[in-house]
Amino acid sequence: MDVKIFTTGGTIDKVYFDAKSTYEVGDPQIVDILREANVTIDWELETLFRKDSLDLTDEDRAVIVEKVRQEPCPRILITHGTDTMIETAKALQGIPGKTIVLVGSLSPARFKSSDAEFNIGFALAAVQTLPPGVYIAMNGRIFHPDRVRKKIGRPTASN
């Protein structure tokens, strides 16, 4: 296997039901995105959660860390909501010998103008080419968890 993918939910997988923002976190959209893009690498998916990232707890993060730690594949891609992505990325630091990339989107993958497809493709390339460590891949940029912050919907490098 080239890449192990863990999904945790977040905006990327949200399904909205009305104009008042009633939603649920649906099935992982990364499967359809990779299939439609004709991705030919060998990948495997495991759904850990279907939660908005604001609903992820420290216990949930501990599950993510343990799953990544136990996974034999050295390249890990995690779909995650942007609100607490940095906290999860920081929790994953210190796992040796793995390239771990977290990715999300600002709008659901089901939306026509979503950034999800681009972000997933970019993150998939990143996880295959970056050295071991933990990274956040969003909007065509790679961020280190200790030098990034969320700024009104999009990550930005911090000093």
Protein backbone atom coordinates (compact mmCIF):
# COMPACT_ATOMS: atom_id res chain seq x y z
CA MET A 1 0.00 0.00 0.00
CA ASP A 2 1.31 3.46 -0.94
CA VAL A 3 -0.92 5.61 1.31
CA LYS A 4 -3.22 4.93 4.25
CA ILE A 5 -6.13 7.37 4.50
CA PHE A 6 -7.96 8.04 7.75
CA THR A 7 -11.13 10.12 7.67
CA THR A 8 -12.45 12.00 10.67
CA GLY A 9 -15.26 14.09 9.15
CA GLY A 10 -15.23 17.85 8.94
CA THR A 11 -16.62 20.21 6.33
CA ILE A 12 -15.17 18.14 3.51
CA ASP A 13 -17.78 15.41 4.20
CA LYS A 14 -20.72 17.59 5.30
CA VAL A 15 -24.19 17.25 3.82
CA TYR A 16 -26.39 20.34 4.23
CA PHE A 17 -30.16 19.97 4.38
CA ASP A 18 -31.43 23.56 4.30
CA ALA A 19 -30.44 27.20 4.02
CA LYS A 20 -30.21 27.48 7.81
CA SER A 21 -27.12 25.28 7.84
CA THR A 22 -28.64 22.10 9.26
CA TYR A 23 -26.09 19.42 8.36
CA GLU A 24 -24.65 16.05 9.19
CA VAL A 25 -21.24 14.63 8.41
CA GLY A 26 -21.81 12.08 5.66
CA ASP A 27 -19.79 9.37 3.96
CA PRO A 28 -16.15 10.14 3.19
CA GLN A 29 -16.01 12.00 -0.13
CA ILE A 30 -12.34 11.24 -0.73
CA VAL A 31 -13.24 7.84 -2.21
CA ASP A 32 -15.25 9.38 -5.05
CA ILE A 33 -12.70 12.15 -5.57
CA LEU A 34 -9.82 9.67 -5.96
CA ARG A 35 -11.89 7.40 -8.20
CA GLU A 36 -13.02 10.27 -10.47
CA ALA A 37 -9.43 11.55 -10.69
CA ASN A 38 -8.24 8.10 -11.82
CA VAL A 39 -5.69 7.93 -9.02
CA THR A 40 -3.64 4.79 -9.59
CA ILE A 41 -1.59 4.55 -6.42
CA ASP A 42 -2.47 1.80 -3.98
CA TRP A 43 -4.41 3.34 -1.07
CA GLU A 44 -6.60 2.10 1.75
CA LEU A 45 -9.24 4.04 3.67
CA GLU A 46 -10.40 3.74 7.26
CA THR A 47 -13.11 5.94 8.71
CA LEU A 48 -12.35 6.86 12.32
CA PHE A 49 -15.06 9.48 12.92
CA ARG A 50 -17.84 11.37 11.19
CA LYS A 51 -17.66 14.52 13.27
CA ASP A 52 -17.35 18.24 12.86
CA SER A 53 -13.84 18.98 14.10
CA LEU A 54 -15.25 21.22 16.85
CA ASP A 55 -16.83 18.04 18.25
CA LEU A 56 -13.57 16.08 18.32
CA THR A 57 -12.34 15.51 21.86
CA ASP A 58 -8.91 14.86 23.32
CA GLU A 59 -9.99 11.21 23.58
CA ASP A 60 -10.79 11.22 19.83
CA ARG A 61 -7.37 12.71 19.11
CA ALA A 62 -5.79 9.95 21.21
CA VAL A 63 -7.58 7.38 19.00
CA ILE A 64 -6.24 9.09 15.87
CA VAL A 65 -2.69 9.13 17.28
CA GLU A 66 -2.86 5.45 18.25
CA LYS A 67 -4.26 4.39 14.85
CA VAL A 68 -1.50 6.28 13.04
CA ARG A 69 1.16 4.91 15.41
CA GLN A 70 0.00 1.31 14.82
CA GLU A 71 -0.41 1.67 11.03
CA PRO A 72 2.45 -0.07 9.19
CA CYS A 73 2.17 2.19 6.12
CA PRO A 74 4.65 5.09 6.44
CA ARG A 75 2.51 7.57 4.44
CA ILE A 76 -0.68 8.73 6.17
CA LEU A 77 -3.31 11.14 4.81
CA ILE A 78 -5.98 12.36 7.25
CA THR A 79 -9.10 14.25 6.20
CA HIS A 80 -10.07 16.58 9.02
CA GLY A 81 -12.13 19.67 9.74
CA THR A 82 -10.18 22.91 9.72
CA ASP A 83 -11.32 24.26 13.10
CA THR A 84 -9.20 21.86 15.17
CA MET A 85 -6.86 20.47 12.52
CA ILE A 86 -3.87 22.19 14.11
CA GLU A 87 -4.55 20.58 17.51
CA THR A 88 -4.71 17.13 15.94
CA ALA A 89 -1.55 17.77 13.90
CA LYS A 90 0.30 18.80 17.06
CA ALA A 91 -0.92 15.65 18.84
CA LEU A 92 0.57 13.55 16.01
CA GLN A 93 4.02 15.10 16.29
CA GLY A 94 6.62 12.74 17.66
CA ILE A 95 5.48 9.66 15.74
CA PRO A 96 8.74 8.62 14.07
CA GLY A 97 9.24 7.35 10.53
CA LYS A 98 5.94 8.52 9.06
CA THR A 99 4.89 11.27 6.71
CA ILE A 100 1.50 12.47 8.00
CA VAL A 101 -0.52 15.03 6.06
CA LEU A 102 -3.81 16.50 7.28
CA VAL A 103 -6.19 18.03 4.75
CA GLY A 104 -9.62 19.61 4.79
CA SER A 105 -11.71 22.08 2.85
CA LEU A 106 -13.54 25.33 3.37
CA SER A 107 -16.68 24.01 1.66
CA PRO A 108 -18.12 20.50 1.36
CA ALA A 109 -16.80 18.27 -1.42
CA ARG A 110 -20.37 17.92 -2.66
CA PHE A 111 -20.42 21.64 -3.58
CA LYS A 112 -19.56 22.41 -7.20
CA SER A 113 -17.10 25.16 -6.32
CA SER A 114 -15.46 23.34 -3.40
CA ASP A 115 -11.74 23.47 -2.77
CA ALA A 116 -11.91 19.81 -1.62
CA GLU A 117 -10.77 18.17 -4.87
CA PHE A 118 -7.74 20.43 -5.27
CA ASN A 119 -6.78 20.13 -1.59
CA ILE A 120 -7.03 16.33 -1.64
CA GLY A 121 -4.95 16.04 -4.82
CA PHE A 122 -2.35 18.42 -3.41
CA ALA A 123 -2.24 16.54 -0.09
CA LEU A 124 -1.91 13.20 -1.86
CA ALA A 125 1.12 14.51 -3.76
CA ALA A 126 2.53 15.98 -0.54
CA VAL A 127 2.26 12.77 1.47
CA GLN A 128 4.21 10.94 -1.23
CA THR A 129 7.02 13.47 -1.54
CA LEU A 130 7.61 15.11 1.85
CA PRO A 131 10.09 13.70 4.37
CA PRO A 132 8.77 12.13 7.58
CA GLY A 133 6.94 14.59 9.81
CA VAL A 134 3.50 16.11 10.31
CA TYR A 135 2.09 18.62 7.86
CA ILE A 136 -1.10 20.45 6.98
CA ALA A 137 -1.82 20.78 3.25
CA MET A 138 -4.35 23.45 2.28
CA ASN A 139 -4.84 25.88 -0.57
CA GLY A 140 -1.65 24.88 -2.39
CA ARG A 141 0.59 25.35 0.63
CA ILE A 142 2.27 23.08 3.16
CA PHE A 143 2.20 24.20 6.78
CA HIS A 144 4.05 22.98 9.85
CA PRO A 145 1.68 22.56 12.84
CA ASP A 146 3.83 24.79 15.06
CA ARG A 147 3.90 27.63 12.52
CA VAL A 148 0.31 27.92 11.34
CA ARG A 149 -2.95 29.36 12.55
CA LYS A 150 -6.44 29.42 11.13
CA LYS A 151 -7.39 32.86 9.89
CA ILE A 152 -11.06 33.40 8.90
CA GLY A 153 -11.52 30.11 7.16
CA ARG A 154 -8.04 29.56 5.75
CA PRO A 155 -4.73 28.58 7.27
CA THR A 156 -1.89 31.06 7.24
CA ALA A 157 1.73 30.85 8.25
CA SER A 158 2.57 32.47 11.56
CA ASN A 159 5.87 33.94 12.62
